[in-house]
């Protein structure tokens, strides 16, 4: 079993460390250019359907279903290249690298993300985030249901979770209580949705963007 840390910082990926809304916007623009607005809307509907079924965004799975609608259209074979070759490093929010280095003075940093087993790790690796946390990457389908595995792999006296989804922060706070400090960066469409803001309790700490963590002092967690 790994040695226990005083503090472990758990970092979400999509719309927390990198701008996933921009990735989706670029993908939809590319689909409209290649296939027209109607088929773009068809892909988006499949993507939302899979999100409901699986609990995470499955871009490649949606592409497979999209392809099945017209097997004679060979242009779909090139769509995977758009996703695989996308310049993910350009999606990282300003100040992320500096803020993560700032957090390291108080504890270990670990990526804790939801996602599929192929595209999500590919995105994290190609963006440089995997290297940023020296390979400490956990990807589940519903991470808030896998906290026992998180504690087994990275035991700590106290955890800090940074996530743009209040639903995730609320669920983890219920499970860990005072052992967890929740941090809410107001980035992306989930974080700015008034329904989400009204549906869940506020986080322990809220910042306008991840880079603002450079101004936060977590030294009291070590006392």
Protein backbone atom coordinates (compact mmCIF):
# COMPACT_ATOMS: atom_id res chain seq x y z
CA UNK A 1 0.00 0.00 0.00
CA UNK A 2 1.27 3.50 -0.85
CA UNK A 3 2.47 5.77 1.97
CA UNK A 4 -0.13 8.23 3.23
CA UNK A 5 0.18 11.87 2.14
CA UNK A 6 -1.00 14.80 4.23
CA UNK A 7 -2.87 16.29 1.26
CA UNK A 8 -3.77 15.02 -2.22
CA UNK A 9 -5.19 17.40 -4.83
CA UNK A 10 -7.62 15.64 -7.20
CA UNK A 11 -8.07 17.46 -10.51
CA UNK A 12 -10.89 16.99 -12.99
CA UNK A 13 -10.03 17.42 -16.70
CA UNK A 14 -12.93 18.53 -18.93
CA UNK A 15 -13.72 22.23 -18.40
CA UNK A 16 -11.49 22.22 -15.32
CA UNK A 17 -7.96 21.85 -16.74
CA UNK A 18 -8.84 22.13 -20.42
CA UNK A 19 -11.58 23.82 -22.44
CA UNK A 20 -13.71 20.86 -23.53
CA UNK A 21 -16.54 23.16 -24.67
CA UNK A 22 -14.18 24.50 -27.36
CA UNK A 23 -13.33 20.97 -28.49
CA UNK A 24 -17.03 20.20 -28.96
CA UNK A 25 -17.61 23.51 -30.79
CA UNK A 26 -14.69 22.79 -33.15
CA UNK A 27 -15.97 19.26 -33.77
CA UNK A 28 -19.47 20.50 -34.56
CA UNK A 29 -18.10 23.13 -36.93
CA UNK A 30 -16.03 20.47 -38.70
CA UNK A 31 -19.05 18.17 -39.00
CA UNK A 32 -21.16 20.98 -40.48
CA UNK A 33 -18.47 21.74 -43.04
CA UNK A 34 -18.05 18.09 -44.06
CA UNK A 35 -21.63 16.78 -43.82
CA UNK A 36 -23.98 19.75 -43.50
CA UNK A 37 -26.05 21.04 -40.58
CA UNK A 38 -28.58 18.19 -40.60
CA UNK A 39 -26.00 15.44 -40.15
CA UNK A 40 -24.09 17.55 -37.61
CA UNK A 41 -27.29 17.73 -35.59
CA UNK A 42 -27.70 13.96 -36.00
CA UNK A 43 -24.23 13.36 -34.53
CA UNK A 44 -24.93 15.74 -31.67
CA UNK A 45 -28.17 13.88 -30.87
CA UNK A 46 -26.29 10.56 -30.82
CA UNK A 47 -23.63 12.07 -28.58
CA UNK A 48 -26.25 13.25 -26.08
CA UNK A 49 -28.03 9.88 -26.21
CA UNK A 50 -24.78 8.07 -25.39
CA UNK A 51 -24.00 10.55 -22.62
CA UNK A 52 -27.32 9.62 -21.02
CA UNK A 53 -26.74 5.88 -21.48
CA UNK A 54 -23.09 5.77 -20.37
CA UNK A 55 -22.69 8.72 -18.02
CA UNK A 56 -19.78 10.23 -19.98
CA UNK A 57 -19.17 11.77 -23.42
CA UNK A 58 -18.26 9.02 -25.91
CA UNK A 59 -17.07 10.81 -29.06
CA UNK A 60 -15.78 7.69 -30.81
CA UNK A 61 -18.81 5.59 -29.91
CA UNK A 62 -21.06 8.32 -31.30
CA UNK A 63 -18.96 8.38 -34.45
CA UNK A 64 -19.47 4.63 -34.89
CA UNK A 65 -23.26 4.99 -34.61
CA UNK A 66 -23.11 8.02 -36.90
CA UNK A 67 -21.29 5.91 -39.49
CA UNK A 68 -23.87 3.12 -39.34
CA UNK A 69 -26.53 5.56 -40.58
CA UNK A 70 -24.82 5.70 -43.99
CA UNK A 71 -22.14 3.08 -44.57
CA UNK A 72 -21.61 4.27 -48.16
CA UNK A 73 -20.29 7.66 -47.02
CA UNK A 74 -16.53 7.07 -46.72
CA UNK A 75 -15.97 10.59 -45.35
CA UNK A 76 -16.86 9.27 -41.91
CA UNK A 77 -13.62 7.27 -41.93
CA UNK A 78 -11.71 10.55 -41.78
CA UNK A 79 -13.71 11.89 -38.85
CA UNK A 80 -11.76 9.81 -36.33
CA UNK A 81 -8.57 11.47 -37.58
CA UNK A 82 -10.00 14.87 -36.64
CA UNK A 83 -10.46 13.70 -33.05
CA UNK A 84 -7.23 11.71 -32.76
CA UNK A 85 -5.02 14.41 -34.31
CA UNK A 86 -6.69 17.39 -32.61
CA UNK A 87 -4.15 19.80 -30.96
CA UNK A 88 -5.34 19.19 -27.41
CA UNK A 89 -2.50 21.15 -25.79
CA UNK A 90 -4.12 24.33 -27.11
CA UNK A 91 -7.21 23.63 -24.99
CA UNK A 92 -5.44 23.94 -21.64
CA UNK A 93 -6.74 27.00 -19.80
CA UNK A 94 -4.29 29.87 -19.14
CA UNK A 95 -2.47 29.54 -15.83
CA UNK A 96 -3.14 25.81 -15.34
CA UNK A 97 0.48 24.68 -15.39
CA UNK A 98 1.52 27.41 -12.96
CA UNK A 99 -1.44 26.74 -10.64
CA UNK A 100 -0.75 22.98 -10.53
CA UNK A 101 2.91 23.70 -9.67
CA UNK A 102 1.61 26.05 -6.93
CA UNK A 103 -0.56 23.26 -5.45
CA UNK A 104 2.37 20.82 -5.34
CA UNK A 105 3.96 22.73 -2.44
CA UNK A 106 1.21 21.33 -0.19
CA UNK A 107 0.55 17.89 -1.66
CA UNK A 108 0.52 15.38 -4.48
CA UNK A 109 -1.53 16.21 -7.59
CA UNK A 110 -3.64 13.49 -9.26
CA UNK A 111 -5.97 13.70 -12.26
CA UNK A 112 -9.39 12.21 -11.44
CA UNK A 113 -11.61 12.14 -14.51
CA UNK A 114 -14.64 10.43 -16.00
CA UNK A 115 -14.47 9.11 -19.55
CA UNK A 116 -14.06 6.21 -21.93
CA UNK A 117 -11.04 3.91 -22.00
CA UNK A 118 -9.60 5.14 -25.32
CA UNK A 119 -10.27 8.78 -26.18
CA UNK A 120 -10.08 10.27 -22.67
CA UNK A 121 -6.58 8.90 -21.88
CA UNK A 122 -5.50 9.85 -25.42
CA UNK A 123 -6.70 13.42 -24.87
CA UNK A 124 -4.95 13.66 -21.49
CA UNK A 125 -1.70 12.30 -22.91
CA UNK A 126 -1.69 14.42 -26.07
CA UNK A 127 -2.52 17.60 -24.16
CA UNK A 128 0.49 17.14 -21.88
CA UNK A 129 -1.64 16.84 -18.73
CA UNK A 130 -0.54 13.22 -18.18
CA UNK A 131 3.09 14.34 -17.97
CA UNK A 132 2.13 17.34 -15.81
CA UNK A 133 1.02 14.99 -13.00
CA UNK A 134 3.79 12.46 -13.73
CA UNK A 135 1.36 9.75 -14.79
CA UNK A 136 -0.90 9.94 -11.74
CA UNK A 137 -4.12 9.62 -13.76
CA UNK A 138 -7.36 7.91 -12.72
CA UNK A 139 -10.24 7.61 -15.21
CA UNK A 140 -13.54 6.02 -14.23
CA UNK A 141 -17.11 6.03 -15.57
CA UNK A 142 -18.52 7.57 -12.37
CA UNK A 143 -15.58 8.72 -10.28
CA UNK A 144 -17.75 9.69 -7.30
CA UNK A 145 -18.59 5.97 -6.98
CA UNK A 146 -14.92 4.91 -7.01
CA UNK A 147 -13.63 6.78 -3.98
CA UNK A 148 -12.53 3.58 -2.26
CA UNK A 149 -10.17 2.93 -5.17
CA UNK A 150 -8.91 6.53 -5.02
CA UNK A 151 -8.08 6.19 -1.32
CA UNK A 152 -6.42 2.82 -1.89
CA UNK A 153 -4.17 4.20 -4.64
CA UNK A 154 -3.51 7.62 -3.10
CA UNK A 155 -4.13 7.47 0.66
CA UNK A 156 -4.20 10.90 2.31
CA UNK A 157 -5.23 12.57 5.52
CA UNK A 158 -7.09 15.22 3.52
CA UNK A 159 -8.24 15.58 -0.11
CA UNK A 160 -8.96 18.64 -2.25
CA UNK A 161 -11.20 18.06 -5.29
CA UNK A 162 -11.25 20.66 -8.09
CA UNK A 163 -14.18 20.15 -10.48
CA UNK A 164 -16.50 22.28 -12.65
CA UNK A 165 -19.51 20.08 -11.72
CA UNK A 166 -21.20 20.88 -8.41
CA UNK A 167 -23.02 17.52 -8.64
CA UNK A 168 -19.67 15.69 -8.41
CA UNK A 169 -18.37 17.93 -5.62
CA UNK A 170 -21.60 17.48 -3.66
CA UNK A 171 -21.54 13.67 -3.99
CA UNK A 172 -17.89 13.47 -2.90
CA UNK A 173 -18.52 15.82 0.04
CA UNK A 174 -21.33 13.55 1.23
CA UNK A 175 -18.97 10.58 1.11
CA UNK A 176 -15.85 12.14 2.61
CA UNK A 177 -17.24 14.97 4.75
CA UNK A 178 -14.61 17.05 6.56
CA UNK A 179 -11.83 14.99 4.96
CA UNK A 180 -12.52 16.82 1.66
CA UNK A 181 -12.24 20.45 0.57
CA UNK A 182 -14.23 21.11 -2.60
CA UNK A 183 -13.08 23.72 -5.13
CA UNK A 184 -15.37 24.99 -7.89
CA UNK A 185 -13.90 26.80 -10.92
CA UNK A 186 -16.68 28.69 -12.75
CA UNK A 187 -15.65 27.47 -16.21
CA UNK A 188 -17.67 25.80 -18.95
CA UNK A 189 -21.36 25.32 -19.59
CA UNK A 190 -22.00 23.04 -16.58
CA UNK A 191 -20.53 25.53 -14.13
CA UNK A 192 -22.48 28.44 -15.59
CA UNK A 193 -25.86 26.67 -15.86
CA UNK A 194 -28.27 28.37 -13.38
CA UNK A 195 -30.14 25.05 -12.89
CA UNK A 196 -26.97 23.32 -11.72
CA UNK A 197 -26.06 26.24 -9.46
CA UNK A 198 -29.51 26.08 -7.82
CA UNK A 199 -29.62 22.29 -7.51
CA UNK A 200 -26.48 21.70 -5.43
CA UNK A 201 -24.83 23.27 -2.37
CA UNK A 202 -21.99 25.70 -2.90
CA UNK A 203 -18.43 24.40 -2.84
CA UNK A 204 -16.03 25.18 0.00
CA UNK A 205 -13.99 27.38 -2.36
CA UNK A 206 -15.10 29.01 -5.63
CA UNK A 207 -12.81 30.69 -8.17
CA UNK A 208 -13.51 32.29 -11.52
CA UNK A 209 -10.99 30.04 -13.29
CA UNK A 210 -8.43 27.37 -12.47
CA UNK A 211 -5.54 29.84 -12.79
CA UNK A 212 -6.97 31.76 -9.82
CA UNK A 213 -5.79 28.91 -7.58
CA UNK A 214 -2.42 30.66 -7.74
CA UNK A 215 -3.92 33.09 -5.21
CA UNK A 216 -5.12 30.36 -2.83
CA UNK A 217 -3.22 29.31 0.30
CA UNK A 218 -3.83 25.70 1.40
CA UNK A 219 -1.16 25.68 4.12
CA UNK A 220 -3.79 25.34 6.88
CA UNK A 221 -4.54 21.84 5.57
CA UNK A 222 -1.10 20.77 6.81
CA UNK A 223 -1.72 21.81 10.44
